[in-house]
Amino acid sequence: MCAQVSRLRARVLQSAGPLSQIARELEDYNTGKDFLNPKGGSEVTHDMTRKWKVMQGLQDRNESLFYRILLENFAEMASIVYDPTVGWACLNFHKLYRSPRGMYFSSDDAGQMASMVYNWPAEVVTAIVVTDGSRILGLGDLGINGLGISIGKLDLYVAAAGFEASQTLPCVLDMGTNNMGLRKDPTYMGLDQDRIDGDKFYELVDEFVAAVLGRWPKAVLQFEDFNQQHARPLLDRYRDNYLVFNDDIQGTATVTLAGVYGAMTVQGKEWKEISQQKVLMVGAGSAGTGIAAMLNQAMQKHGLSKEDAVSKVWLTDQDGLITSKRKGMTQVVKGFARQGGDEPEGEKLLESVKRIKPTVIVGVAAAGPLFTEELLKAMGEQCDRPIIFALSNPDEKMECTAEDAQKHTDGKAIFASGVGQPDVKHGSGTIASRQANNMLIYPGLALGAHLGHTGVVSDRMLVAAAEALPPLVPKEDLQRGAVYPTLDNIRGVSKAVAKAVMLCAKQDGHMHNDSAQKAVSKGDAVFDAWVDVQMSKPGYTTAAYAP
């Protein structure tokens, strides 16, 4: 059969006229096209891009089948419809565009957005993901090509958490782009202008938020891949008054906290002992400060004052340890800067590890192998079971590999990474390596906020979401050092997270859905069944049309 296909392909490639389109399709199917590949294509193969195109074609033709395949093969297909393949799709979105999906808003639409939202045909929208394309998966400014990330994210909402596909809305805000390569490309569909900044930027985002949440006030709005300059200010601007969250800041922080709880479970410790951990954060950007703030919240929950919780976390960046002597800090970083004269400003990372003796080290600097052999050995010598999280991605930006972590700590490390790593054989056993994947958090978080009509996503709700993950790790996996559940039962994971979020919201007076309130009051079995019913399941139903 393969030989017959090859002969057919050869004949078609030699043909002209009407068969030339078939030739192009066969060539593309077999070898792929020379589109741009993220970082030289080290993560994204032609087979992955081929699957992405096949799945996108299926989504256009048969949405129910698309989501059924994604759900039933989630562990395999999540990397196709989302990271890392979606990075390739965004780089090439202007070349891959075939059919409309989602909404475009641009700076030219100022003053018109409240009317524009009524162009969207769905009367009910429950989840919205928006990006301005300024920082797509660490690939830089991709302009309106960033719409691909909003589409991919909501595909996971549908498959992982049971959102109704017809009630999701992917959006992109076209503020221009500083990517001159895109602007010179005749197939790029965005505005040919420099990226807007300053007050004008915030005015446009304000108008967008008011427009979409004015028409769909119960929708969950997620900000995705805004650059560091705007990500935190936008979250702070809206989070107290709207049902919004930022996965890059809050999702990463929550899944990291879940990993620390999971690591403590591996150690046989109770979660309240998080107040005794000493955490060294390597990287002080939005992800690093977000993780530090989330760990701070967890420590306060378990008895520490805010000041004592802050004292348990150290921040470093490319210039070394951050203290109050540092110039030009943002307010967020300043809140975690070390106080007092006994903390050396700019102290090198290895020196900090040896002096502080952290029990947890988290890398989010995206600066390559910062966790050197000497550093890992020091962690292994100072702790019985050091918690080592190398969360930067892609591969070349990781702080260390799972193999290096186990090799240089003599198998003591409890390890998680931002990029999937194989388990490590050590001695007579195998040590688990798990990915700190935000997919474990944000679908369930969004579902819980939506079903509970919570109005806001509070820090306590995020901590509750983190606490939902460790109990889902099987005992045999914990014994091998696994800190996260796998993606194989993503619906079960999302449901557990959603329930935890709603229960926390109820305790704090944020649950405003009477049906959810009644379900909770009737006990866990009824509540569990109620949540399950709310989760849409892709399939075909018998339809009867009235005459």
Protein backbone atom coordinates (compact mmCIF):
# COMPACT_ATOMS: atom_id res chain seq x y z
CA MET A 1 0.00 0.00 0.00
CA CYS A 2 2.82 2.44 0.88
CA ALA A 3 4.54 1.64 -2.43
CA GLN A 4 1.31 2.36 -4.32
CA VAL A 5 0.91 5.71 -2.54
CA SER A 6 4.53 6.60 -3.36
CA ARG A 7 4.05 5.74 -7.05
CA LEU A 8 0.82 7.77 -7.15
CA ARG A 9 2.56 10.68 -5.48
CA ALA A 10 5.42 10.52 -8.00
CA ARG A 11 3.01 10.53 -10.95
CA VAL A 12 0.99 13.41 -9.54
CA LEU A 13 4.09 15.47 -8.82
CA GLN A 14 5.08 15.12 -12.47
CA SER A 15 1.64 16.20 -13.65
CA ALA A 16 0.40 19.69 -14.33
CA GLY A 17 -2.92 21.42 -14.69
CA PRO A 18 -5.82 20.33 -12.46
CA LEU A 19 -3.66 17.81 -10.57
CA SER A 20 -1.19 20.42 -9.34
CA GLN A 21 -3.32 21.14 -6.26
CA ILE A 22 -3.36 17.42 -5.41
CA ALA A 23 0.40 17.39 -5.84
CA ARG A 24 0.81 20.26 -3.40
CA GLU A 25 -1.45 18.58 -0.85
CA LEU A 26 0.39 15.26 -1.09
CA GLU A 27 3.77 16.96 -0.82
CA ASP A 28 2.59 18.97 2.18
CA TYR A 29 1.09 15.88 3.85
CA ASN A 30 4.28 13.84 3.45
CA THR A 31 7.03 16.35 4.08
CA GLY A 32 5.45 19.56 5.35
CA LYS A 33 6.17 23.05 4.11
CA ASP A 34 9.14 25.17 5.06
CA PHE A 35 7.25 27.47 7.41
CA LEU A 36 9.04 29.19 10.25
CA ASN A 37 9.79 26.84 13.12
CA PRO A 38 10.16 27.93 16.76
CA LYS A 39 13.82 27.90 17.78
CA GLY A 40 14.90 25.92 14.75
CA GLY A 41 12.15 23.36 15.19
CA SER A 42 13.79 21.56 18.12
CA GLU A 43 10.38 20.91 19.69
CA VAL A 44 8.00 21.04 16.74
CA THR A 45 8.37 18.35 14.10
CA HIS A 46 6.75 18.11 10.67
CA ASP A 47 4.61 15.27 12.02
CA MET A 48 3.27 17.58 14.74
CA THR A 49 2.51 20.37 12.26
CA ARG A 50 0.83 17.89 9.93
CA LYS A 51 -1.41 16.71 12.77
CA TRP A 52 -2.21 20.32 13.65
CA LYS A 53 -3.36 21.05 10.10
CA VAL A 54 -5.39 17.85 9.93
CA MET A 55 -7.07 18.66 13.24
CA GLN A 56 -7.81 22.25 12.20
CA GLY A 57 -9.38 21.01 9.00
CA LEU A 58 -11.48 18.59 11.02
CA GLN A 59 -12.53 21.38 13.40
CA ASP A 60 -13.84 23.39 10.44
CA ARG A 61 -15.78 20.41 9.07
CA ASN A 62 -16.94 18.51 12.16
CA GLU A 63 -16.49 20.29 15.48
CA SER A 64 -18.03 17.50 17.57
CA LEU A 65 -15.62 14.91 16.20
CA PHE A 66 -12.67 17.29 16.66
CA TYR A 67 -13.39 17.71 20.38
CA ARG A 68 -14.16 14.02 20.86
CA ILE A 69 -10.77 13.08 19.42
CA LEU A 70 -9.06 15.73 21.54
CA LEU A 71 -10.80 14.58 24.72
CA GLU A 72 -10.21 10.86 24.22
CA ASN A 73 -6.54 11.37 23.28
CA PHE A 74 -5.85 14.41 25.45
CA ALA A 75 -2.37 13.51 26.70
CA GLU A 76 -1.18 13.08 23.11
CA MET A 77 -3.20 15.77 21.32
CA ALA A 78 -2.86 18.64 23.83
CA SER A 79 0.65 19.31 22.54
CA ILE A 80 -0.74 19.41 19.00
CA VAL A 81 -3.61 21.87 19.47
CA TYR A 82 -1.65 23.88 22.05
CA ASP A 83 1.92 24.30 23.25
CA PRO A 84 4.36 23.71 21.61
CA THR A 85 2.74 23.25 18.17
CA VAL A 86 0.50 26.29 18.58
CA GLY A 87 3.68 28.39 18.74
CA TRP A 88 4.52 27.25 15.22
CA ALA A 89 0.92 27.95 14.20
CA CYS A 90 1.11 31.51 15.55
CA LEU A 91 4.43 32.18 13.82
CA ASN A 92 2.81 31.15 10.55
CA PHE A 93 -0.82 32.15 11.21
CA HIS A 94 -0.87 34.62 8.31
CA LYS A 95 0.14 31.80 5.96
CA LEU A 96 -2.13 29.15 7.46
CA TYR A 97 -5.32 31.23 7.67
CA ARG A 98 -8.20 29.41 5.96
CA SER A 99 -11.45 30.31 7.71
CA PRO A 100 -12.55 32.88 10.31
CA ARG A 101 -12.55 31.87 13.96
CA GLY A 102 -12.75 34.42 16.77
CA MET A 103 -13.01 38.21 16.81
CA TYR A 104 -10.52 40.91 15.87
CA PHE A 105 -10.54 44.28 17.61
CA SER A 106 -8.05 46.96 16.59
CA SER A 107 -7.05 50.46 17.59
CA ASP A 108 -8.99 51.65 14.54
CA ASP A 109 -12.16 50.35 16.25
CA ALA A 110 -11.92 52.77 19.18
CA GLY A 111 -15.39 53.94 20.12
CA GLN A 112 -17.08 51.09 18.22
CA MET A 113 -16.36 47.97 20.30
CA ALA A 114 -19.63 48.03 22.25
CA SER A 115 -21.46 47.76 18.92
CA MET A 116 -18.99 45.30 17.37
CA VAL A 117 -19.59 42.61 19.99
CA TYR A 118 -23.13 42.20 18.65
CA ASN A 119 -21.63 40.94 15.39
CA TRP A 120 -20.79 37.73 17.26
CA PRO A 121 -23.72 35.35 16.66
CA ALA A 122 -23.78 33.56 20.03
CA GLU A 123 -26.29 34.93 22.50
CA VAL A 124 -24.48 33.18 25.36
CA VAL A 125 -20.71 33.28 25.86
CA THR A 126 -19.20 31.68 28.96
CA ALA A 127 -15.46 31.95 28.31
CA ILE A 128 -13.33 34.57 26.53
CA VAL A 129 -9.57 34.47 25.96
CA VAL A 130 -7.88 37.63 24.67
CA THR A 131 -4.31 38.46 23.69
CA ASP A 132 -2.60 41.42 22.08
CA GLY A 133 0.03 39.13 20.57
CA SER A 134 2.88 40.97 22.24
CA ARG A 135 4.55 37.95 23.89
CA ILE A 136 3.38 34.69 22.41
CA LEU A 137 4.89 31.71 24.27
CA GLY A 138 8.24 33.47 24.55
CA LEU A 139 8.38 33.84 20.74
CA GLY A 140 8.03 37.60 20.88
CA ASP A 141 5.72 40.08 19.21
CA LEU A 142 3.51 38.24 16.70
CA GLY A 143 0.78 40.86 16.30
CA ILE A 144 -2.63 39.49 15.38
CA ASN A 145 -1.08 36.10 14.66
CA GLY A 146 -1.54 35.72 18.41
CA LEU A 147 -5.18 34.85 17.78
CA GLY A 148 -3.96 31.28 17.39
CA ILE A 149 -3.12 31.18 21.11
CA SER A 150 -6.64 32.32 22.07
CA ILE A 151 -8.16 29.64 19.82
CA GLY A 152 -5.91 26.89 21.17
CA LYS A 153 -6.52 27.88 24.78
CA LEU A 154 -10.29 27.70 24.39
CA ASP A 155 -10.03 24.35 22.60
CA LEU A 156 -8.55 23.07 25.87
CA TYR A 157 -11.35 24.73 27.87
CA VAL A 158 -13.83 22.70 25.84
CA ALA A 159 -11.98 19.38 25.93
CA ALA A 160 -10.58 19.55 29.47
CA ALA A 161 -13.36 21.33 31.36
CA GLY A 162 -16.49 20.76 29.31
CA PHE A 163 -17.21 24.31 28.22
CA GLU A 164 -19.71 24.40 25.36
CA ALA A 165 -17.70 25.11 22.19
CA SER A 166 -20.34 27.45 20.76
CA GLN A 167 -20.17 29.54 23.93
CA THR A 168 -16.44 30.34 23.77
CA LEU A 169 -14.95 33.45 22.18
CA PRO A 170 -11.27 33.76 21.15
CA CYS A 171 -10.18 37.39 20.67
CA VAL A 172 -7.14 39.37 19.59
CA LEU A 173 -6.49 43.06 20.15
CA ASP A 174 -4.56 44.58 17.25
CA MET A 175 -2.49 47.35 18.77
CA GLY A 176 0.01 47.20 15.91
CA THR A 177 3.28 45.28 16.01
CA ASN A 178 6.98 46.07 16.24
CA ASN A 179 7.75 42.90 14.27
CA MET A 180 8.94 44.41 10.97
CA GLY A 181 9.19 41.01 9.34
CA LEU A 182 5.43 40.55 9.73
CA ARG A 183 4.61 44.07 8.64
CA LYS A 184 6.56 43.62 5.42
CA ASP A 185 4.83 40.31 4.66
CA PRO A 186 1.97 40.91 2.18
CA THR A 187 -0.06 38.07 3.73
CA TYR A 188 -0.01 39.59 7.25
CA MET A 189 -3.52 40.84 8.06
CA GLY A 190 -2.79 43.15 10.99
CA LEU A 191 -2.25 46.89 11.17
CA ASP A 192 0.96 48.19 9.63
CA GLN A 193 1.91 50.44 12.54
CA ASP A 194 4.13 50.48 15.62
CA ARG A 195 2.62 48.94 18.71
CA ILE A 196 0.52 51.35 20.77
CA ASP A 197 1.59 51.99 24.36
CA GLY A 198 0.87 54.28 27.28
CA ASP A 199 -2.54 55.66 28.17
CA LYS A 200 -3.92 54.90 24.70
CA PHE A 201 -3.21 51.20 25.23
CA TYR A 202 -5.12 51.06 28.52
CA GLU A 203 -8.01 53.08 27.08
CA LEU A 204 -8.43 50.51 24.30
CA VAL A 205 -8.27 47.55 26.69
CA ASP A 206 -10.78 49.29 28.98
CA GLU A 207 -13.15 49.67 26.05
CA PHE A 208 -12.73 46.03 25.05
CA VAL A 209 -13.35 44.72 28.57
CA ALA A 210 -16.42 46.93 29.00
CA ALA A 211 -17.76 45.80 25.62
CA VAL A 212 -17.42 42.02 25.99
CA LEU A 213 -18.42 41.88 29.65
CA GLY A 214 -21.20 44.35 28.99
CA ARG A 215 -22.81 41.93 26.55
CA TRP A 216 -21.82 38.72 28.40
CA PRO A 217 -21.49 39.74 32.08
CA LYS A 218 -21.20 36.17 33.40
CA ALA A 219 -18.34 35.17 31.10
CA VAL A 220 -14.86 34.34 32.41
CA LEU A 221 -12.25 36.57 30.74
CA GLN A 222 -8.68 35.32 30.56
CA PHE A 223 -5.77 37.56 29.57
CA GLU A 224 -3.17 35.59 27.62
CA ASP A 225 0.42 36.38 26.60
CA PHE A 226 0.48 40.12 27.17
CA ASN A 227 4.03 41.34 27.61
CA GLN A 228 5.53 41.81 31.06
CA GLN A 229 5.07 45.59 30.90
CA HIS A 230 1.29 45.23 30.71
CA ALA A 231 0.40 41.79 32.13
CA ARG A 232 0.50 42.64 35.83
CA PRO A 233 -1.02 46.16 35.52
CA LEU A 234 -3.95 44.76 33.52
CA LEU A 235 -4.59 42.04 36.09
CA ASP A 236 -4.47 44.52 38.96
CA ARG A 237 -6.70 46.91 37.01
CA TYR A 238 -9.63 44.50 36.62
CA ARG A 239 -9.37 41.60 39.05
CA ASP A 240 -11.30 43.18 41.94
CA ASN A 241 -14.32 44.12 39.81
CA TYR A 242 -14.51 41.59 36.97
CA LEU A 243 -14.33 37.83 36.53
CA VAL A 244 -10.85 37.87 35.00
CA PHE A 245 -7.54 36.11 35.48
CA ASN A 246 -4.12 35.90 33.83
CA ASP A 247 -2.83 32.39 33.26
CA ASP A 248 0.79 33.48 32.73
CA ILE A 249 0.86 35.02 36.21
CA GLN A 250 -1.81 33.23 38.25
CA GLY A 251 -1.96 29.89 36.43
CA THR A 252 1.80 29.38 36.55
CA ALA A 253 1.88 30.44 40.20
CA THR A 254 -0.98 28.13 41.14
CA VAL A 255 0.43 25.06 39.40
CA THR A 256 3.80 25.74 41.06
CA LEU A 257 2.17 25.91 44.49
CA ALA A 258 0.39 22.65 43.67
CA GLY A 259 3.77 21.15 42.85
CA VAL A 260 5.25 22.28 46.16
CA TYR A 261 2.28 20.74 47.99
CA GLY A 262 2.79 17.59 45.90
CA ALA A 263 6.49 17.50 46.78
CA MET A 264 5.67 17.86 50.47
CA THR A 265 3.25 14.95 50.10
CA VAL A 266 6.11 12.92 48.59
CA GLN A 267 8.21 13.89 51.63
CA GLY A 268 5.43 12.72 53.95
CA LYS A 269 4.86 16.22 55.32
CA GLU A 270 1.62 18.02 56.05
CA TRP A 271 0.80 21.06 53.95
CA LYS A 272 0.87 23.34 56.99
CA GLU A 273 4.62 22.78 57.01
CA ILE A 274 4.90 24.99 53.93
CA SER A 275 5.47 27.76 56.47
CA GLN A 276 8.83 26.14 57.22
CA GLN A 277 10.06 26.05 53.63
CA LYS A 278 12.79 28.41 52.39
CA VAL A 279 12.21 29.28 48.73
CA LEU A 280 14.77 30.70 46.30
CA MET A 281 13.14 32.13 43.16
CA VAL A 282 15.45 32.34 40.15
CA GLY A 283 13.83 34.92 37.91
CA ALA A 284 11.97 38.04 39.02
CA GLY A 285 9.64 38.67 36.08
CA SER A 286 5.88 38.31 36.11
CA ALA A 287 6.10 34.52 36.54
CA GLY A 288 8.65 34.69 39.36
CA THR A 289 6.87 37.38 41.34
CA GLY A 290 3.53 35.67 40.73
CA ILE A 291 4.86 32.41 42.18
CA ALA A 292 6.39 34.24 45.13
CA ALA A 293 3.06 35.94 45.85
CA MET A 294 1.15 32.66 45.64
CA LEU A 295 3.55 30.88 48.00
CA ASN A 296 3.18 33.89 50.30
CA GLN A 297 -0.61 33.44 50.29
CA ALA A 298 -0.28 29.73 51.14
CA MET A 299 2.10 30.45 54.00
CA GLN A 300 -0.28 33.04 55.41
CA LYS A 301 -3.12 30.52 55.20
CA HIS A 302 -1.06 28.20 57.37
CA GLY A 303 -0.35 30.69 60.11
CA LEU A 304 2.40 33.10 59.11
CA SER A 305 1.98 36.85 59.04
CA LYS A 306 2.51 38.59 55.71
CA GLU A 307 5.91 39.86 56.83
CA ASP A 308 7.05 36.43 58.05
CA ALA A 309 5.83 34.81 54.82
CA VAL A 310 7.78 37.32 52.72
CA SER A 311 10.89 36.54 54.77
CA LYS A 312 10.72 32.91 53.58
CA VAL A 313 11.21 33.86 49.90
CA TRP A 314 14.34 35.16 48.18
CA LEU A 315 14.32 36.62 44.63
CA THR A 316 17.26 36.65 42.23
CA ASP A 317 17.63 37.84 38.66
CA GLN A 318 20.45 38.30 36.13
CA ASP A 319 22.07 40.80 38.50
CA GLY A 320 21.98 38.47 41.50
CA LEU A 321 20.09 38.56 44.80
CA ILE A 322 17.54 41.38 45.02
CA THR A 323 17.66 43.50 48.16
CA SER A 324 16.25 46.87 49.18
CA LYS A 325 19.46 48.42 47.83
CA ARG A 326 18.50 47.56 44.25
CA LYS A 327 17.66 50.56 42.06
CA GLY A 328 14.75 50.77 39.63
CA MET A 329 12.60 47.95 41.02
CA THR A 330 8.92 47.61 40.22
CA GLN A 331 6.52 47.77 43.15
CA VAL A 332 5.88 44.02 42.95
CA VAL A 333 9.60 43.15 43.07
CA LYS A 334 10.17 45.71 45.81
CA GLY A 335 7.69 43.83 47.98
CA PHE A 336 10.00 40.78 47.99
CA ALA A 337 13.36 42.57 48.14
CA ARG A 338 15.41 41.45 51.11
CA GLN A 339 15.65 43.96 53.94
CA GLY A 340 18.56 44.61 56.27
CA GLY A 341 22.28 44.89 55.80
CA ASP A 342 23.11 41.20 56.24
CA GLU A 343 21.74 40.27 52.78
CA PRO A 344 24.35 41.03 50.08
CA GLU A 345 22.85 42.87 47.09
CA GLY A 346 23.71 41.14 43.80
CA GLU A 347 24.96 37.95 45.46
CA LYS A 348 25.67 35.26 42.87
CA LEU A 349 23.21 32.39 42.62
CA LEU A 350 25.53 29.63 43.83
CA GLU A 351 26.64 31.76 46.78
CA SER A 352 22.99 32.37 47.69
CA VAL A 353 22.25 28.64 47.57
CA LYS A 354 25.15 27.87 49.90
CA ARG A 355 24.33 30.69 52.32
CA ILE A 356 20.51 30.50 52.42
CA LYS A 357 20.29 26.68 52.15
CA PRO A 358 16.87 26.76 50.44
CA THR A 359 14.60 23.74 50.62
CA VAL A 360 12.89 24.80 47.37
CA ILE A 361 14.50 26.32 44.28
CA VAL A 362 12.32 27.44 41.36
CA GLY A 363 13.74 28.53 38.03
CA VAL A 364 11.73 30.82 35.76
CA ALA A 365 14.55 32.96 34.36
CA ALA A 366 14.52 31.43 30.83
CA ALA A 367 18.28 31.88 30.73
CA GLY A 368 19.50 28.33 30.14
CA PRO A 369 21.29 25.88 32.48
CA LEU A 370 21.61 28.04 35.60
CA PHE A 371 21.26 25.00 37.88
CA THR A 372 24.84 23.85 37.44
CA GLU A 373 26.42 20.65 38.71
CA GLU A 374 27.91 22.49 41.70
CA LEU A 375 24.58 24.13 42.56
CA LEU A 376 22.65 20.84 42.34
CA LYS A 377 25.26 19.08 44.48
CA ALA A 378 24.92 21.82 47.08
CA MET A 379 21.13 21.38 47.10
CA GLY A 380 21.55 17.62 47.55
CA GLU A 381 24.02 18.03 50.40
CA GLN A 382 21.91 20.60 52.27
CA CYS A 383 18.50 18.85 52.01
CA ASP A 384 17.32 15.28 52.46
CA ARG A 385 14.85 15.73 49.55
CA PRO A 386 15.45 19.07 47.79
CA ILE A 387 12.54 20.41 45.73
CA ILE A 388 13.95 21.48 42.35
CA PHE A 389 11.63 23.02 39.76
CA ALA A 390 13.17 24.01 36.42
CA LEU A 391 10.15 25.70 34.88
CA SER A 392 11.60 27.69 31.98
CA ASN A 393 10.86 26.63 28.43
CA PRO A 394 11.63 25.68 25.69
CA ASP A 395 14.35 23.05 26.17
CA GLU A 396 17.31 25.33 25.62
CA LYS A 397 16.07 27.76 28.29
CA MET A 398 15.59 25.13 31.02
CA GLU A 399 17.63 25.55 34.19
CA CYS A 400 18.52 21.85 34.20
CA THR A 401 17.23 18.50 32.98
CA ALA A 402 15.62 15.83 35.14
CA GLU A 403 18.61 13.58 34.55
CA ASP A 404 21.04 16.25 35.75
CA ALA A 405 18.93 16.96 38.84
CA GLN A 406 18.92 13.31 39.89
CA LYS A 407 22.54 12.64 38.90
CA HIS A 408 24.00 15.52 40.90
CA THR A 409 21.76 15.09 43.97
CA ASP A 410 22.27 11.31 44.05
CA GLY A 411 18.60 10.68 43.32
CA LYS A 412 17.33 12.91 46.15
CA ALA A 413 15.65 15.60 44.04
CA ILE A 414 11.89 15.98 43.80
CA PHE A 415 11.77 17.40 40.31
CA ALA A 416 9.32 19.16 38.01
CA SER A 417 9.89 21.07 34.80
CA GLY A 418 8.24 23.47 32.42
CA VAL A 419 9.03 21.17 29.48
CA GLY A 420 8.15 17.48 29.64
CA GLN A 421 11.08 15.32 30.78
CA PRO A 422 11.46 11.53 30.80
CA ASP A 423 11.57 9.61 34.06
CA VAL A 424 15.08 8.93 35.31
CA LYS A 425 16.52 5.52 36.12
CA HIS A 426 18.54 5.70 39.30
CA GLY A 427 19.97 2.71 41.09
CA SER A 428 17.42 -0.09 41.00
CA GLY A 429 14.41 2.17 40.55
CA THR A 430 12.91 4.90 38.40
CA ILE A 431 12.32 8.44 39.63
CA ALA A 432 9.30 10.25 38.20
CA SER A 433 9.61 13.56 36.35
CA ARG A 434 6.44 15.57 35.91
CA GLN A 435 5.66 18.69 33.93
CA ALA A 436 4.32 21.73 35.77
CA ASN A 437 1.61 22.13 33.17
CA ASN A 438 -0.89 24.97 33.53
CA MET A 439 -3.46 22.76 31.79
CA LEU A 440 -3.90 21.07 35.14
CA ILE A 441 -5.21 24.34 36.59
CA TYR A 442 -6.77 26.88 34.24
CA PRO A 443 -9.60 24.83 32.66
CA GLY A 444 -10.91 23.79 36.08
CA LEU A 445 -10.30 27.24 37.55
CA ALA A 446 -12.32 28.86 34.77
CA LEU A 447 -15.05 26.23 35.09
CA GLY A 448 -15.39 26.73 38.84
CA ALA A 449 -15.49 30.51 38.51
CA HIS A 450 -18.11 30.27 35.76
CA LEU A 451 -20.37 27.68 37.41
CA GLY A 452 -20.19 29.42 40.76
CA HIS A 453 -20.89 32.87 39.27
CA THR A 454 -18.09 34.02 41.54
CA GLY A 455 -17.67 37.50 40.07
CA VAL A 456 -13.94 37.51 40.90
CA VAL A 457 -11.01 35.08 41.03
CA SER A 458 -9.50 35.59 44.47
CA ASP A 459 -6.11 34.48 45.78
CA ARG A 460 -7.85 32.10 48.18
CA MET A 461 -9.63 30.46 45.26
CA LEU A 462 -6.26 29.98 43.54
CA VAL A 463 -4.78 28.37 46.65
CA ALA A 464 -7.82 26.07 46.80
CA ALA A 465 -7.24 25.10 43.17
CA ALA A 466 -3.63 24.22 43.98
CA GLU A 467 -4.69 22.08 46.93
CA ALA A 468 -6.98 20.04 44.68
CA LEU A 469 -4.15 18.49 42.64
CA PRO A 470 -1.93 16.46 45.05
CA PRO A 471 -4.77 14.12 46.20
CA LEU A 472 -5.18 13.10 42.54
CA VAL A 473 -1.66 11.66 42.31
CA PRO A 474 -1.80 7.84 42.74
CA LYS A 475 0.09 6.42 45.72
CA GLU A 476 2.46 4.43 43.51
CA ASP A 477 3.36 7.62 41.59
CA LEU A 478 3.99 9.51 44.83
CA GLN A 479 6.40 6.78 45.86
CA ARG A 480 8.37 7.45 42.67
CA GLY A 481 8.49 11.21 43.37
CA ALA A 482 5.64 12.41 41.13
CA VAL A 483 4.21 15.75 42.24
CA TYR A 484 1.41 16.12 39.66
CA PRO A 485 -1.33 13.90 38.23
CA THR A 486 -1.08 13.00 34.55
CA LEU A 487 -3.19 14.48 31.75
CA ASP A 488 -4.85 11.14 31.01
CA ASN A 489 -7.82 11.95 33.26
CA ILE A 490 -7.99 15.67 32.50
CA ARG A 491 -11.77 15.83 32.97
CA GLY A 492 -11.42 14.38 36.48
CA VAL A 493 -8.64 16.86 37.26
CA SER A 494 -10.64 19.83 35.98
CA LYS A 495 -13.73 18.76 37.92
CA ALA A 496 -11.75 18.45 41.17
CA VAL A 497 -10.23 21.91 40.66
CA ALA A 498 -13.63 23.44 39.79
CA LYS A 499 -15.24 21.97 42.92
CA ALA A 500 -12.43 23.26 45.15
CA VAL A 501 -12.74 26.74 43.62
CA MET A 502 -16.51 26.82 44.15
CA LEU A 503 -16.31 25.57 47.74
CA CYS A 504 -13.78 28.29 48.54
CA ALA A 505 -15.97 30.88 46.82
CA LYS A 506 -18.93 29.75 48.91
CA GLN A 507 -16.95 30.08 52.13
CA ASP A 508 -15.86 33.60 51.17
CA GLY A 509 -19.30 34.74 50.02
CA HIS A 510 -18.44 34.82 46.31
CA MET A 511 -20.78 32.07 45.08
CA HIS A 512 -23.83 33.67 43.48
CA ASN A 513 -25.31 30.70 41.61
CA ASP A 514 -28.34 29.36 43.51
CA SER A 515 -28.20 25.99 41.74
CA ALA A 516 -24.58 25.55 42.79
CA GLN A 517 -25.45 26.56 46.35
CA LYS A 518 -28.19 23.92 46.52
CA ALA A 519 -25.93 21.22 45.07
CA VAL A 520 -23.23 21.96 47.65
CA SER A 521 -25.75 21.87 50.49
CA LYS A 522 -26.84 18.32 49.55
CA GLY A 523 -23.41 16.78 50.05
CA ASP A 524 -20.37 15.91 47.97
CA ALA A 525 -22.01 13.14 45.92
CA VAL A 526 -24.80 15.44 44.71
CA PHE A 527 -22.36 18.31 44.17
CA ASP A 528 -20.04 16.06 42.15
CA ALA A 529 -22.90 14.84 39.99
CA TRP A 530 -24.16 18.40 39.47
CA VAL A 531 -20.75 19.59 38.24
CA ASP A 532 -20.48 16.58 35.96
CA VAL A 533 -23.82 17.39 34.34
CA GLN A 534 -22.69 20.96 33.64
CA MET A 535 -19.64 19.72 31.71
CA SER A 536 -20.50 19.41 28.03
CA LYS A 537 -19.51 16.13 26.37
CA PRO A 538 -18.75 16.16 22.64
CA GLY A 539 -20.99 13.84 20.67
CA TYR A 540 -24.05 13.59 18.50
CA THR A 541 -27.61 13.94 19.73
CA THR A 542 -30.91 13.20 18.08
CA ALA A 543 -32.47 16.43 16.86
CA ALA A 544 -36.16 16.85 16.09
CA TYR A 545 -37.22 20.01 14.30
CA ALA A 546 -40.70 21.44 14.74
CA PRO A 547 -42.63 21.89 11.48
